[in-house]
Structures are given as C-alpha cells and as structure tokens.
Amino acid sequence: MNMAILHKNLADGRWFELSLMEQLGNIGSEVSRAQSAQNKDTARFQNATDRALELFDLTLSDARWRGRLTEVGRAREVFCDAVLGGKEYGSSLADINRYFTHFAIAARQGR
C-alpha cells in the first residue's frame, strides 16, 4: 500500500534543512492538534495523527540524526501508544505534548 505524502514540500527536501529542534517542534505542533481534536473531531484527530507520524518518519530518515534515532523512534512509539489509548505505557497525548513543547520553545529561541 502506498501512503499519500501529506507534507509534500517537507518530503521534497525542506524537512532536511531544519534543525532537530525545529523538526521535533513541528512534530509537536501535530501532536498538539491531535490532542485538541481527540474525542471531539475524529477526522481532525486522524489527520493530525497521520501528519505527526509522517513527520516522525521523515525525522527518522534524516541521516544527520543517526545518534538520536533511538530517542526519536521511542517518542514515535509512545505517541502511537497515546493515540491508541495508552494501554502499553500509560501515555497520553497531554504528556507527549508537554515533551514536544520544550523542543518548539528551543527552536524558537534558535537553539
């Protein structure tokens, strides 16, 4: 099955120009959107979840972060757990959102 690319500009190379903080901050934006839509708007929730997963996958494919892939992969895994109800790790989108907020702040501050 071939998934449609949701972030075409980013997938075409722009994503790989961003710093790790910027990439994680952008993932956090989608996590925040998913949290806002959870249990309120199924379509918005699914779309934000799909976009977040795509951004996770783009980050995981970025060769610059070889030493950070385990951390990014684990964050993706915990995000998936939260989306599916937190049964494996007891995670929630609120917890994941707090985690990613720090990256968005750091990216804005140019770190």
N, C-alpha and C. Protein backbone atom coordinates (compact mmCIF):
# COMPACT_ATOMS: atom_id res chain seq x y z
N MET A 1 0.84 -1.17 0.00
CA MET A 1 0.00 0.00 0.00
C MET A 1 0.89 1.24 0.00
N ASN A 2 0.59 2.19 -0.86
CA ASN A 2 1.37 3.41 -0.97
C ASN A 2 0.62 4.55 -0.28
N MET A 3 1.21 5.11 0.77
CA MET A 3 0.57 6.20 1.51
C MET A 3 0.80 7.51 0.77
N ALA A 4 -0.22 8.36 0.74
CA ALA A 4 -0.09 9.68 0.16
C ALA A 4 0.83 10.53 1.05
N ILE A 5 1.66 11.33 0.43
CA ILE A 5 2.53 12.22 1.18
C ILE A 5 1.73 13.45 1.58
N LEU A 6 1.69 13.72 2.87
CA LEU A 6 0.88 14.83 3.40
C LEU A 6 1.65 16.14 3.44
N HIS A 7 2.93 16.07 3.64
CA HIS A 7 3.79 17.25 3.72
C HIS A 7 4.73 17.24 2.51
N LYS A 8 4.19 17.49 1.32
CA LYS A 8 4.97 17.35 0.09
C LYS A 8 6.21 18.24 0.08
N ASN A 9 6.08 19.52 0.46
CA ASN A 9 7.24 20.42 0.46
C ASN A 9 8.33 19.91 1.40
N LEU A 10 7.92 19.41 2.55
CA LEU A 10 8.90 18.91 3.51
C LEU A 10 9.54 17.64 3.03
N ALA A 11 8.74 16.74 2.48
CA ALA A 11 9.26 15.46 1.99
C ALA A 11 10.20 15.66 0.81
N ASP A 12 10.00 16.74 0.05
CA ASP A 12 10.85 17.02 -1.11
C ASP A 12 12.21 17.61 -0.73
N GLY A 13 12.48 17.77 0.53
CA GLY A 13 13.81 18.22 0.93
C GLY A 13 13.84 19.30 1.99
N ARG A 14 12.82 20.10 2.09
CA ARG A 14 12.80 21.20 3.06
C ARG A 14 12.99 20.67 4.48
N TRP A 15 12.40 19.53 4.80
CA TRP A 15 12.49 18.96 6.15
C TRP A 15 13.94 18.75 6.56
N PHE A 16 14.77 18.37 5.60
CA PHE A 16 16.15 18.03 5.88
C PHE A 16 17.05 19.26 6.00
N GLU A 17 16.46 20.44 5.86
CA GLU A 17 17.17 21.70 6.10
C GLU A 17 16.91 22.21 7.52
N LEU A 18 15.91 21.65 8.19
CA LEU A 18 15.56 22.08 9.53
C LEU A 18 16.48 21.43 10.57
N SER A 19 16.68 22.15 11.67
CA SER A 19 17.45 21.57 12.78
C SER A 19 16.60 20.50 13.46
N LEU A 20 17.24 19.70 14.29
CA LEU A 20 16.50 18.68 15.03
C LEU A 20 15.44 19.33 15.91
N MET A 21 15.77 20.45 16.56
CA MET A 21 14.79 21.14 17.40
C MET A 21 13.59 21.59 16.58
N GLU A 22 13.84 22.10 15.38
CA GLU A 22 12.74 22.54 14.50
C GLU A 22 11.89 21.36 14.06
N GLN A 23 12.54 20.26 13.71
CA GLN A 23 11.79 19.08 13.31
C GLN A 23 10.90 18.59 14.46
N LEU A 24 11.48 18.47 15.64
CA LEU A 24 10.70 17.98 16.79
C LEU A 24 9.62 18.98 17.19
N GLY A 25 9.90 20.26 17.06
CA GLY A 25 8.88 21.28 17.33
C GLY A 25 7.70 21.15 16.37
N ASN A 26 7.99 20.87 15.10
CA ASN A 26 6.92 20.68 14.12
C ASN A 26 6.12 19.42 14.40
N ILE A 27 6.80 18.36 14.80
CA ILE A 27 6.08 17.16 15.21
C ILE A 27 5.16 17.51 16.37
N GLY A 28 5.68 18.28 17.31
CA GLY A 28 4.89 18.71 18.47
C GLY A 28 3.64 19.48 18.09
N SER A 29 3.72 20.27 17.03
CA SER A 29 2.52 21.00 16.56
C SER A 29 1.42 20.04 16.16
N GLU A 30 1.79 18.97 15.48
CA GLU A 30 0.80 17.97 15.07
C GLU A 30 0.28 17.19 16.28
N VAL A 31 1.17 16.91 17.23
CA VAL A 31 0.74 16.24 18.47
C VAL A 31 -0.28 17.12 19.19
N SER A 32 -0.01 18.42 19.25
CA SER A 32 -0.94 19.36 19.90
C SER A 32 -2.29 19.37 19.18
N ARG A 33 -2.26 19.37 17.84
CA ARG A 33 -3.51 19.33 17.07
C ARG A 33 -4.28 18.05 17.34
N ALA A 34 -3.55 16.94 17.41
CA ALA A 34 -4.21 15.66 17.70
C ALA A 34 -4.84 15.69 19.09
N GLN A 35 -4.12 16.21 20.06
CA GLN A 35 -4.65 16.30 21.42
C GLN A 35 -5.91 17.17 21.45
N SER A 36 -5.89 18.29 20.75
CA SER A 36 -7.05 19.19 20.72
C SER A 36 -8.28 18.54 20.11
N ALA A 37 -8.06 17.68 19.12
CA ALA A 37 -9.18 17.06 18.41
C ALA A 37 -9.63 15.73 19.04
N GLN A 38 -8.79 15.17 19.90
CA GLN A 38 -9.10 13.85 20.48
C GLN A 38 -10.45 13.88 21.19
N ASN A 39 -11.27 12.89 20.89
CA ASN A 39 -12.61 12.73 21.47
C ASN A 39 -13.56 13.86 21.10
N LYS A 40 -13.20 14.68 20.11
CA LYS A 40 -14.07 15.78 19.68
C LYS A 40 -14.37 15.74 18.19
N ASP A 41 -13.33 15.52 17.40
CA ASP A 41 -13.46 15.55 15.95
C ASP A 41 -12.59 14.44 15.37
N THR A 42 -13.22 13.34 15.03
CA THR A 42 -12.49 12.15 14.59
C THR A 42 -11.64 12.42 13.36
N ALA A 43 -12.16 13.13 12.39
CA ALA A 43 -11.41 13.39 11.16
C ALA A 43 -10.19 14.26 11.45
N ARG A 44 -10.35 15.33 12.21
CA ARG A 44 -9.21 16.19 12.56
C ARG A 44 -8.17 15.41 13.37
N PHE A 45 -8.64 14.59 14.30
CA PHE A 45 -7.73 13.77 15.10
C PHE A 45 -6.93 12.83 14.21
N GLN A 46 -7.59 12.14 13.30
CA GLN A 46 -6.90 11.20 12.41
C GLN A 46 -5.92 11.92 11.50
N ASN A 47 -6.33 13.06 10.96
CA ASN A 47 -5.44 13.82 10.07
C ASN A 47 -4.19 14.30 10.81
N ALA A 48 -4.36 14.82 12.02
CA ALA A 48 -3.20 15.29 12.80
C ALA A 48 -2.30 14.11 13.17
N THR A 49 -2.90 12.99 13.50
CA THR A 49 -2.12 11.78 13.82
C THR A 49 -1.32 11.33 12.61
N ASP A 50 -1.95 11.29 11.46
CA ASP A 50 -1.25 10.89 10.23
C ASP A 50 -0.11 11.85 9.91
N ARG A 51 -0.36 13.15 10.06
CA ARG A 51 0.70 14.13 9.78
C ARG A 51 1.86 13.98 10.76
N ALA A 52 1.55 13.77 12.04
CA ALA A 52 2.61 13.58 13.04
C ALA A 52 3.46 12.36 12.70
N LEU A 53 2.81 11.26 12.35
CA LEU A 53 3.55 10.04 12.01
C LEU A 53 4.43 10.25 10.78
N GLU A 54 3.93 10.99 9.81
CA GLU A 54 4.74 11.27 8.64
C GLU A 54 5.98 12.09 9.02
N LEU A 55 5.80 13.07 9.89
CA LEU A 55 6.94 13.88 10.32
C LEU A 55 7.93 13.07 11.15
N PHE A 56 7.41 12.19 12.01
CA PHE A 56 8.30 11.28 12.74
C PHE A 56 9.14 10.49 11.74
N ASP A 57 8.48 9.94 10.72
CA ASP A 57 9.18 9.10 9.75
C ASP A 57 10.21 9.89 8.95
N LEU A 58 9.88 11.14 8.60
CA LEU A 58 10.86 11.98 7.91
C LEU A 58 12.07 12.22 8.80
N THR A 59 11.84 12.49 10.08
CA THR A 59 12.95 12.71 11.00
C THR A 59 13.79 11.44 11.15
N LEU A 60 13.13 10.31 11.23
CA LEU A 60 13.86 9.05 11.35
C LEU A 60 14.67 8.73 10.09
N SER A 61 14.29 9.30 8.96
CA SER A 61 15.03 9.06 7.72
C SER A 61 16.15 10.09 7.50
N ASP A 62 16.28 11.05 8.41
CA ASP A 62 17.29 12.10 8.29
C ASP A 62 18.62 11.57 8.82
N ALA A 63 19.58 11.36 7.93
CA ALA A 63 20.87 10.75 8.30
C ALA A 63 21.65 11.58 9.31
N ARG A 64 21.35 12.86 9.43
CA ARG A 64 22.08 13.71 10.38
C ARG A 64 21.86 13.28 11.82
N TRP A 65 20.76 12.61 12.10
CA TRP A 65 20.41 12.30 13.49
C TRP A 65 20.70 10.85 13.87
N ARG A 66 21.66 10.23 13.22
CA ARG A 66 21.98 8.83 13.49
C ARG A 66 22.06 8.53 14.98
N GLY A 67 22.70 9.38 15.74
CA GLY A 67 22.87 9.13 17.17
C GLY A 67 21.62 9.37 18.00
N ARG A 68 20.57 9.94 17.39
CA ARG A 68 19.35 10.27 18.12
C ARG A 68 18.16 9.43 17.67
N LEU A 69 18.38 8.50 16.76
CA LEU A 69 17.26 7.76 16.19
C LEU A 69 16.52 6.91 17.21
N THR A 70 17.22 6.38 18.18
CA THR A 70 16.55 5.57 19.21
C THR A 70 15.57 6.43 19.99
N GLU A 71 16.00 7.63 20.36
CA GLU A 71 15.13 8.54 21.11
C GLU A 71 13.91 8.95 20.28
N VAL A 72 14.14 9.30 19.02
CA VAL A 72 13.03 9.71 18.15
C VAL A 72 12.09 8.54 17.91
N GLY A 73 12.65 7.37 17.68
CA GLY A 73 11.83 6.18 17.49
C GLY A 73 11.00 5.85 18.72
N ARG A 74 11.59 6.00 19.88
CA ARG A 74 10.84 5.75 21.12
C ARG A 74 9.73 6.77 21.30
N ALA A 75 10.00 8.04 20.98
CA ALA A 75 8.96 9.07 21.07
C ALA A 75 7.80 8.73 20.13
N ARG A 76 8.11 8.22 18.93
CA ARG A 76 7.07 7.80 17.99
C ARG A 76 6.25 6.66 18.58
N GLU A 77 6.94 5.70 19.18
CA GLU A 77 6.27 4.56 19.79
C GLU A 77 5.34 4.99 20.92
N VAL A 78 5.79 5.90 21.76
CA VAL A 78 4.97 6.38 22.87
C VAL A 78 3.80 7.21 22.34
N PHE A 79 4.03 7.99 21.27
CA PHE A 79 2.94 8.73 20.64
C PHE A 79 1.87 7.76 20.13
N CYS A 80 2.29 6.70 19.46
CA CYS A 80 1.34 5.70 18.97
C CYS A 80 0.56 5.08 20.12
N ASP A 81 1.25 4.79 21.21
CA ASP A 81 0.57 4.25 22.39
C ASP A 81 -0.48 5.23 22.90
N ALA A 82 -0.14 6.51 22.97
CA ALA A 82 -1.09 7.52 23.44
C ALA A 82 -2.30 7.61 22.52
N VAL A 83 -2.06 7.57 21.21
CA VAL A 83 -3.15 7.63 20.23
C VAL A 83 -4.10 6.45 20.41
N LEU A 84 -3.53 5.30 20.74
CA LEU A 84 -4.33 4.08 20.89
C LEU A 84 -4.85 3.88 22.31
N GLY A 85 -4.72 4.88 23.16
CA GLY A 85 -5.31 4.81 24.49
C GLY A 85 -4.36 4.60 25.63
N GLY A 86 -3.06 4.52 25.36
CA GLY A 86 -2.07 4.42 26.42
C GLY A 86 -2.03 3.08 27.14
N LYS A 87 -2.45 2.02 26.48
CA LYS A 87 -2.53 0.71 27.14
C LYS A 87 -1.17 0.10 27.45
N GLU A 88 -0.17 0.34 26.60
CA GLU A 88 1.15 -0.26 26.78
C GLU A 88 2.00 0.50 27.81
N TYR A 89 2.04 1.83 27.69
CA TYR A 89 2.93 2.63 28.53
C TYR A 89 2.19 3.59 29.46
N GLY A 90 0.88 3.63 29.36
CA GLY A 90 0.12 4.59 30.17
C GLY A 90 0.32 6.03 29.71
N SER A 91 0.69 6.19 28.44
CA SER A 91 0.97 7.52 27.92
C SER A 91 -0.32 8.22 27.49
N SER A 92 -0.24 9.53 27.44
CA SER A 92 -1.37 10.34 26.98
C SER A 92 -0.84 11.40 26.02
N LEU A 93 -1.72 11.92 25.18
CA LEU A 93 -1.30 12.98 24.27
C LEU A 93 -0.89 14.23 25.04
N ALA A 94 -1.48 14.46 26.20
CA ALA A 94 -1.08 15.61 27.03
C ALA A 94 0.38 15.46 27.45
N ASP A 95 0.77 14.25 27.84
CA ASP A 95 2.17 14.00 28.23
C ASP A 95 3.11 14.22 27.04
N ILE A 96 2.75 13.67 25.90
CA ILE A 96 3.58 13.79 24.71
C ILE A 96 3.66 15.25 24.28
N ASN A 97 2.56 15.96 24.37
CA ASN A 97 2.53 17.37 24.01
C ASN A 97 3.50 18.17 24.89
N ARG A 98 3.49 17.90 26.19
CA ARG A 98 4.42 18.60 27.10
C ARG A 98 5.87 18.31 26.71
N TYR A 99 6.15 17.07 26.36
CA TYR A 99 7.50 16.69 25.94
C TYR A 99 7.94 17.52 24.73
N PHE A 100 7.09 17.61 23.72
CA PHE A 100 7.46 18.30 22.49
C PHE A 100 7.43 19.82 22.61
N THR A 101 6.70 20.35 23.57
CA THR A 101 6.66 21.80 23.76
C THR A 101 8.06 22.36 24.02
N HIS A 102 8.87 21.63 24.74
CA HIS A 102 10.23 22.08 25.03
C HIS A 102 11.06 22.24 23.75
N PHE A 103 10.86 21.36 22.79
CA PHE A 103 11.58 21.46 21.54
C PHE A 103 11.11 22.66 20.73
N ALA A 104 9.82 22.92 20.73
CA ALA A 104 9.30 24.09 20.00
C ALA A 104 9.86 25.38 20.59
N ILE A 105 9.92 25.45 21.90
CA ILE A 105 10.47 26.65 22.55
C ILE A 105 11.94 26.80 22.22
N ALA A 106 12.69 25.72 22.29
CA ALA A 106 14.13 25.76 21.95
C ALA A 106 14.34 26.17 20.50
N ALA A 107 13.51 25.66 19.60
CA ALA A 107 13.65 26.01 18.18
C ALA A 107 13.38 27.50 17.97
N ARG A 108 12.36 28.03 18.65
CA ARG A 108 12.05 29.47 18.53
C ARG A 108 13.19 30.33 19.06
N GLN A 109 13.89 29.82 20.06
CA GLN A 109 14.99 30.57 20.65
C GLN A 109 16.30 30.37 19.89
N GLY A 110 16.24 29.59 18.82
CA GLY A 110 17.40 29.38 17.97
C GLY A 110 18.42 28.42 18.51
N ARG A 111 18.04 27.52 19.36
CA ARG A 111 18.99 26.55 19.92
C ARG A 111 19.15 25.36 19.02
